[in-house]
Amino acid sequence: MAKGRDLSDMLGRKRQTILVDVDDITYEVGPDALLAAKVASAHNMDDDYCLGAEYLALVRGALAYMKVGCVDLLVVGLPVTTFEMRRAALAKRLAGEHPLRDGKSILVKEVKVLAQPHGALIDYALSEAGCRRCVGSAT
């Protein structure tokens, strides 16, 4: 949650974060979000975390940083332990309109939920196995 004063302006640099509203709570997300966090913060390890407000705030923050009005396909990952239980509900939660604070919104047309090991496999294939051409970059 967003709390406290932003002292980074006095240090010569504005914090690289944005504010995201979910369920009447404002969250501060982005690369410098840890600077706004309390010293002793805990990570949520609940099986329902992906369906909670904090997760949605992170997704909306990521979407806002993309600076696009529409995402045709959003691919997200879930731990293997919760993949079967939560993938349909997560896909449903993330598809559709996501309002931003500036009055704009981002439309997510389709969501694909993968088990997290698939992401690791794809990353390995693209970086180590020489498949850089698969994503359009020159080798």
Protein backbone atom coordinates (compact mmCIF):
# COMPACT_ATOMS: atom_id res chain seq x y z
CA MET A 1 0.00 0.00 0.00
CA ALA A 2 1.12 3.52 -0.68
CA LYS A 3 1.94 5.34 2.55
CA GLY A 4 4.18 8.08 3.77
CA ARG A 5 6.10 10.86 2.08
CA ASP A 6 8.16 10.60 -1.05
CA LEU A 7 11.51 12.06 -0.01
CA SER A 8 13.25 11.10 -3.25
CA ASP A 9 12.52 14.54 -4.77
CA MET A 10 14.78 16.09 -2.13
CA LEU A 11 17.51 13.66 -3.14
CA GLY A 12 17.38 14.82 -6.74
CA ARG A 13 15.41 11.96 -8.26
CA LYS A 14 11.74 11.09 -8.24
CA ARG A 15 10.91 7.54 -7.24
CA GLN A 16 10.17 5.35 -10.27
CA THR A 17 6.74 4.14 -9.20
CA ILE A 18 3.12 4.65 -10.11
CA LEU A 19 -0.02 4.53 -8.00
CA VAL A 20 -2.60 1.84 -8.77
CA ASP A 21 -6.06 1.58 -7.21
CA VAL A 22 -7.64 -1.80 -6.47
CA ASP A 23 -10.74 -2.24 -4.31
CA ASP A 24 -10.48 1.32 -2.89
CA ILE A 25 -6.87 0.79 -1.81
CA THR A 26 -3.96 2.64 -3.42
CA TYR A 27 -0.80 0.64 -4.09
CA GLU A 28 2.58 2.03 -5.14
CA VAL A 29 4.20 -0.27 -7.68
CA GLY A 30 7.24 -0.07 -9.93
CA PRO A 31 11.03 -0.45 -9.89
CA ASP A 32 11.48 1.72 -6.76
CA ALA A 33 8.49 0.37 -4.81
CA LEU A 34 10.76 -1.13 -2.14
CA LEU A 35 11.89 2.40 -1.26
CA ALA A 36 8.31 3.14 -0.19
CA ALA A 37 7.92 -0.11 1.77
CA LYS A 38 8.39 -0.51 5.47
CA VAL A 39 11.71 -2.02 6.56
CA ALA A 40 10.11 -5.28 7.66
CA SER A 41 7.77 -6.33 4.88
CA ALA A 42 6.54 -9.87 4.32
CA HIS A 43 5.74 -11.69 1.10
CA ASN A 44 2.31 -13.23 0.75
CA MET A 45 2.63 -17.00 0.25
CA ASP A 46 -1.13 -17.75 0.30
CA ASP A 47 -2.48 -20.10 -2.39
CA ASP A 48 -5.08 -17.43 -3.25
CA TYR A 49 -2.49 -14.64 -3.66
CA CYS A 50 -2.96 -14.52 -7.44
CA LEU A 51 -6.63 -13.65 -6.93
CA GLY A 52 -5.98 -10.90 -4.38
CA ALA A 53 -5.76 -7.14 -4.61
CA GLU A 54 -1.95 -6.99 -4.25
CA TYR A 55 -1.42 -9.26 -7.27
CA LEU A 56 -3.91 -7.28 -9.35
CA ALA A 57 -2.13 -4.05 -8.37
CA LEU A 58 1.17 -5.49 -9.65
CA VAL A 59 -0.44 -6.59 -12.90
CA ARG A 60 -2.07 -3.20 -13.42
CA GLY A 61 1.21 -1.50 -12.67
CA ALA A 62 2.97 -3.64 -15.26
CA LEU A 63 0.23 -2.89 -17.78
CA ALA A 64 0.52 0.85 -17.08
CA TYR A 65 4.30 0.75 -17.66
CA MET A 66 3.64 -0.82 -21.09
CA LYS A 67 1.98 2.45 -22.19
CA VAL A 68 -0.49 0.74 -24.52
CA GLY A 69 -4.27 0.90 -24.67
CA CYS A 70 -4.82 -2.76 -25.51
CA VAL A 71 -3.06 -6.08 -24.92
CA ASP A 72 -4.11 -8.86 -27.29
CA LEU A 73 -2.55 -11.67 -25.23
CA LEU A 74 -1.29 -11.44 -21.66
CA VAL A 75 0.74 -14.46 -20.53
CA VAL A 76 1.19 -14.99 -16.79
CA GLY A 77 2.57 -17.84 -14.72
CA LEU A 78 1.44 -19.70 -11.63
CA PRO A 79 3.35 -22.06 -9.35
CA VAL A 80 2.80 -25.70 -10.20
CA THR A 81 1.14 -26.22 -6.80
CA THR A 82 -1.70 -23.79 -7.58
CA PHE A 83 -1.79 -23.98 -11.37
CA GLU A 84 -4.78 -26.31 -11.81
CA MET A 85 -6.73 -24.77 -8.91
CA ARG A 86 -6.37 -21.13 -9.92
CA ARG A 87 -5.64 -20.81 -13.65
CA ALA A 88 -9.25 -20.38 -14.84
CA ALA A 89 -10.11 -17.86 -12.12
CA LEU A 90 -6.90 -15.90 -12.74
CA ALA A 91 -7.48 -15.77 -16.50
CA LYS A 92 -11.02 -14.52 -15.89
CA ARG A 93 -9.83 -11.89 -13.37
CA LEU A 94 -7.14 -10.48 -15.66
CA ALA A 95 -9.16 -10.37 -18.88
CA GLY A 96 -11.10 -7.19 -19.61
CA GLU A 97 -10.73 -3.49 -18.77
CA HIS A 98 -8.17 -2.32 -16.20
CA PRO A 99 -8.70 1.29 -15.08
CA LEU A 100 -5.72 3.55 -14.49
CA ARG A 101 -5.47 6.65 -12.29
CA ASP A 102 -5.18 9.03 -15.25
CA GLY A 103 -8.73 8.19 -16.34
CA LYS A 104 -7.54 5.86 -19.08
CA SER A 105 -7.86 2.10 -19.11
CA ILE A 106 -6.12 -0.87 -20.68
CA LEU A 107 -8.07 -3.66 -22.34
CA VAL A 108 -6.68 -7.19 -22.00
CA LYS A 109 -8.36 -9.27 -24.71
CA GLU A 110 -7.07 -12.72 -23.81
CA VAL A 111 -5.10 -14.24 -20.93
CA LYS A 112 -3.01 -17.40 -21.07
CA VAL A 113 -1.91 -18.87 -17.74
CA LEU A 114 1.11 -21.17 -17.81
CA ALA A 115 2.78 -23.22 -15.10
CA GLN A 116 5.91 -21.32 -14.06
CA PRO A 117 8.38 -23.99 -15.27
CA HIS A 118 7.15 -23.30 -18.81
CA GLY A 119 8.44 -19.73 -18.52
CA ALA A 120 11.85 -21.00 -17.44
CA LEU A 121 11.93 -23.42 -20.36
CA ILE A 122 10.99 -20.71 -22.86
CA ASP A 123 13.60 -18.34 -21.40
CA TYR A 124 16.26 -21.03 -21.68
CA ALA A 125 15.26 -21.89 -25.23
CA LEU A 126 15.42 -18.24 -26.32
CA SER A 127 18.65 -17.33 -24.56
CA GLU A 128 20.84 -20.44 -24.39
CA ALA A 129 19.68 -22.59 -27.26
CA GLY A 130 20.21 -19.92 -29.92
CA CYS A 131 16.55 -19.29 -30.67
CA ARG A 132 16.87 -15.51 -30.54
CA ARG A 133 15.48 -15.35 -34.06
CA CYS A 134 12.20 -16.73 -32.70
CA VAL A 135 11.44 -13.36 -31.10
CA GLY A 136 12.65 -11.26 -34.01
CA SER A 137 16.13 -10.26 -32.80
CA ALA A 138 19.23 -10.73 -34.91
CA THR A 139 21.78 -13.37 -33.96
